Amino acid sequence: MMEQIRQQIRMIEDSATQLKTLAQDNPAIRKNAEIILAFVYLLKFITPETIQEEN
């Protein structure tokens, strides 16, 4: 379940990054994409990747 959540967070991050790149001439969209990326940072913080030990 957590891996699916992390995958969705990565998709949001990729979309926001792409929007930021495409909206070079639109400061409103670019600013909103930056805000989304800030939320992505928070989501990544509260859903850390699990580290599995090797045997």
Protein backbone atom coordinates (compact mmCIF):
# COMPACT_ATOMS: atom_id res chain seq x y z
CA MET A 1 0.00 0.00 0.00
CA MET A 2 2.76 2.45 0.92
CA GLU A 3 4.52 1.77 -2.39
CA GLN A 4 1.35 2.73 -4.28
CA ILE A 5 1.17 5.97 -2.31
CA ARG A 6 4.82 6.73 -3.08
CA GLN A 7 4.17 6.02 -6.76
CA GLN A 8 1.29 8.52 -6.80
CA ILE A 9 3.48 11.12 -5.08
CA ARG A 10 6.15 10.61 -7.77
CA MET A 11 3.50 11.08 -10.48
CA ILE A 12 2.36 14.34 -8.87
CA GLU A 13 5.96 15.50 -8.64
CA ASP A 14 6.64 14.65 -12.29
CA SER A 15 3.48 16.48 -13.42
CA ALA A 16 4.28 19.58 -11.38
CA THR A 17 7.84 19.64 -12.70
CA GLN A 18 6.58 19.31 -16.26
CA LEU A 19 4.03 22.10 -15.71
CA LYS A 20 6.76 24.35 -14.34
CA THR A 21 8.84 23.72 -17.45
CA LEU A 22 5.98 24.23 -19.89
CA ALA A 23 4.66 27.39 -18.22
CA GLN A 24 7.75 29.54 -18.64
CA ASP A 25 5.62 32.43 -19.92
CA ASN A 26 2.82 32.01 -17.37
CA PRO A 27 3.92 33.03 -13.87
CA ALA A 28 0.62 31.98 -12.24
CA ILE A 29 0.89 28.38 -13.43
CA ARG A 30 4.60 28.29 -12.63
CA LYS A 31 3.96 29.56 -9.08
CA ASN A 32 1.19 27.01 -8.52
CA ALA A 33 3.48 24.22 -9.74
CA GLU A 34 6.09 25.37 -7.22
CA ILE A 35 3.46 25.24 -4.46
CA ILE A 36 2.51 21.71 -5.51
CA LEU A 37 6.18 20.73 -5.35
CA ALA A 38 6.34 22.08 -1.79
CA PHE A 39 3.43 19.83 -0.85
CA VAL A 40 5.14 16.91 -2.59
CA TYR A 41 8.16 17.52 -0.36
CA LEU A 42 5.92 17.26 2.70
CA LEU A 43 4.24 14.12 1.39
CA LYS A 44 7.62 12.50 0.80
CA PHE A 45 8.65 13.40 4.34
CA ILE A 46 5.60 11.77 5.95
CA THR A 47 5.78 8.67 3.72
CA PRO A 48 9.43 7.62 3.90
CA GLU A 49 10.67 4.79 1.77
CA THR A 50 11.14 1.65 3.79
CA ILE A 51 14.68 0.34 3.98
CA GLN A 52 14.82 -3.43 3.96
CA GLU A 53 17.83 -5.14 5.43
CA GLU A 54 19.57 -7.80 3.36
CA ASN A 55 20.15 -11.16 5.04
